[in-house]
Structure formats: C-alpha cells, structure tokens
Amino acid sequence: MTDGVKGPASYFPSIEKKYGRPVSEWKDLIRSSPLTKHMELVTWLKTEYGMGHGHANALVAHTLVEGDAK
C-alpha cells in the first residue's frame, strides 16, 4: 500500500467526481481569489461551492504549497 497517492492529492479523484470540475479549475479559482489565508480559502470553498471541509482543505493546502515553491 505504499505505492498509492498520499497527502492532499489523494482526495483529488473524489473531488473531481463529486464536484464535477477538474482539480486544475479548483486550483485556478483558489489562486484567483483575493483571499490568501488557508482557513479563509477553505471557508470560501465550503460556502460558495458547497464543498466538504476535507476536500476544501486538501485543495487549499496543495495549492498554497505549490505557490510557495515559486
């Protein structure tokens, strides 16, 4: 079981299936938001798009980490 995707990315297939958008679109929305803090973005996804906490948290965490790598 060590070969599977781990961390926030492990949620991506179920996010795409449940919410009908590719992860790249969600990440673009997060990046284009005027919000910058992790929990603000999580709350925004939950409120505006009806996303569950775990899914919103995974997307925001993964997106913000990518932003730090630039």
C-alpha atoms as a PDB file:
ATOM      1  CA  MET A   1       0.000   0.000   0.000  1.00  0.00           C
ATOM      2  CA  THR A   2       2.969   2.353  -0.119  1.00  0.00           C
ATOM      3  CA  ASP A   3       2.617   2.993  -3.874  1.00  0.00           C
ATOM      4  CA  GLY A   4      -0.634   4.987  -3.673  1.00  0.00           C
ATOM      5  CA  VAL A   5      -1.002   8.742  -3.790  1.00  0.00           C
ATOM      6  CA  LYS A   6      -0.715  10.259  -0.338  1.00  0.00           C
ATOM      7  CA  GLY A   7      -1.498  13.560   1.287  1.00  0.00           C
ATOM      8  CA  PRO A   8      -3.912  16.131  -0.139  1.00  0.00           C
ATOM      9  CA  ALA A   9      -3.630  14.741  -3.677  1.00  0.00           C
ATOM     10  CA  SER A  10      -5.272  11.509  -2.529  1.00  0.00           C
ATOM     11  CA  TYR A  11      -8.560  13.445  -2.382  1.00  0.00           C
ATOM     12  CA  PHE A  12      -8.366  14.704  -5.975  1.00  0.00           C
ATOM     13  CA  PRO A  13     -10.220  11.867  -7.765  1.00  0.00           C
ATOM     14  CA  SER A  14     -13.173  12.099  -5.389  1.00  0.00           C
ATOM     15  CA  ILE A  15     -13.192  15.925  -5.594  1.00  0.00           C
ATOM     16  CA  GLU A  16     -13.413  15.782  -9.390  1.00  0.00           C
ATOM     17  CA  LYS A  17     -16.149  13.156  -9.276  1.00  0.00           C
ATOM     18  CA  LYS A  18     -18.242  14.822  -6.565  1.00  0.00           C
ATOM     19  CA  TYR A  19     -17.991  18.460  -7.683  1.00  0.00           C
ATOM     20  CA  GLY A  20     -17.731  17.993 -11.463  1.00  0.00           C
ATOM     21  CA  ARG A  21     -14.649  20.115 -12.122  1.00  0.00           C
ATOM     22  CA  PRO A  22     -11.049  19.112 -12.689  1.00  0.00           C
ATOM     23  CA  VAL A  23      -8.632  19.891  -9.873  1.00  0.00           C
ATOM     24  CA  SER A  24      -6.841  22.370 -12.140  1.00  0.00           C
ATOM     25  CA  GLU A  25     -10.015  24.510 -12.263  1.00  0.00           C
ATOM     26  CA  TRP A  26     -10.342  24.460  -8.478  1.00  0.00           C
ATOM     27  CA  LYS A  27      -6.719  25.495  -8.131  1.00  0.00           C
ATOM     28  CA  ASP A  28      -7.217  28.328 -10.615  1.00  0.00           C
ATOM     29  CA  LEU A  29     -10.198  29.546  -8.575  1.00  0.00           C
ATOM     30  CA  ILE A  30      -8.146  29.435  -5.388  1.00  0.00           C
ATOM     31  CA  ARG A  31      -5.262  31.312  -6.998  1.00  0.00           C
ATOM     32  CA  SER A  32      -7.587  33.975  -8.414  1.00  0.00           C
ATOM     33  CA  SER A  33      -9.344  34.561  -5.096  1.00  0.00           C
ATOM     34  CA  PRO A  34      -8.482  37.775  -3.263  1.00  0.00           C
ATOM     35  CA  LEU A  35      -8.264  35.659  -0.099  1.00  0.00           C
ATOM     36  CA  THR A  36      -4.812  34.487   0.943  1.00  0.00           C
ATOM     37  CA  LYS A  37      -5.129  32.708   4.286  1.00  0.00           C
ATOM     38  CA  HIS A  38      -5.627  28.965   4.386  1.00  0.00           C
ATOM     39  CA  MET A  39      -8.779  28.880   6.505  1.00  0.00           C
ATOM     40  CA  GLU A  40     -10.328  31.841   4.683  1.00  0.00           C
ATOM     41  CA  LEU A  41      -9.974  29.922   1.423  1.00  0.00           C
ATOM     42  CA  VAL A  42     -11.332  26.712   2.963  1.00  0.00           C
ATOM     43  CA  THR A  43     -14.378  28.557   4.313  1.00  0.00           C
ATOM     44  CA  TRP A  44     -14.880  30.255   0.947  1.00  0.00           C
ATOM     45  CA  LEU A  45     -14.910  26.926  -0.934  1.00  0.00           C
ATOM     46  CA  LYS A  46     -17.319  25.466   1.598  1.00  0.00           C
ATOM     47  CA  THR A  47     -19.667  28.473   1.496  1.00  0.00           C
ATOM     48  CA  GLU A  48     -19.585  29.338  -2.210  1.00  0.00           C
ATOM     49  CA  TYR A  49     -19.331  25.844  -3.691  1.00  0.00           C
ATOM     50  CA  GLY A  50     -20.773  23.554  -1.023  1.00  0.00           C
ATOM     51  CA  MET A  51     -17.503  21.684  -0.704  1.00  0.00           C
ATOM     52  CA  GLY A  52     -16.854  19.485   2.305  1.00  0.00           C
ATOM     53  CA  HIS A  53     -14.181  20.537   4.773  1.00  0.00           C
ATOM     54  CA  GLY A  54     -11.730  17.740   3.939  1.00  0.00           C
ATOM     55  CA  HIS A  55     -11.931  18.345   0.204  1.00  0.00           C
ATOM     56  CA  ALA A  56     -11.607  22.120   0.572  1.00  0.00           C
ATOM     57  CA  ASN A  57      -8.703  21.737   2.984  1.00  0.00           C
ATOM     58  CA  ALA A  58      -6.864  19.345   0.650  1.00  0.00           C
ATOM     59  CA  LEU A  59      -7.242  21.654  -2.362  1.00  0.00           C
ATOM     60  CA  VAL A  60      -6.156  24.752  -0.484  1.00  0.00           C
ATOM     61  CA  ALA A  61      -3.193  23.028   1.175  1.00  0.00           C
ATOM     62  CA  HIS A  62      -1.930  21.589  -2.109  1.00  0.00           C
ATOM     63  CA  THR A  63      -2.416  24.868  -3.985  1.00  0.00           C
ATOM     64  CA  LEU A  64      -0.714  27.011  -1.366  1.00  0.00           C
ATOM     65  CA  VAL A  65       2.273  24.664  -1.171  1.00  0.00           C
ATOM     66  CA  GLU A  66       2.686  24.951  -4.948  1.00  0.00           C
ATOM     67  CA  GLY A  67       2.616  28.725  -4.623  1.00  0.00           C
ATOM     68  CA  ASP A  68       5.415  28.613  -2.049  1.00  0.00           C
ATOM     69  CA  ALA A  69       7.595  26.668  -4.476  1.00  0.00           C
ATOM     70  CA  LYS A  70       7.712  29.537  -6.980  1.00  0.00           C
END
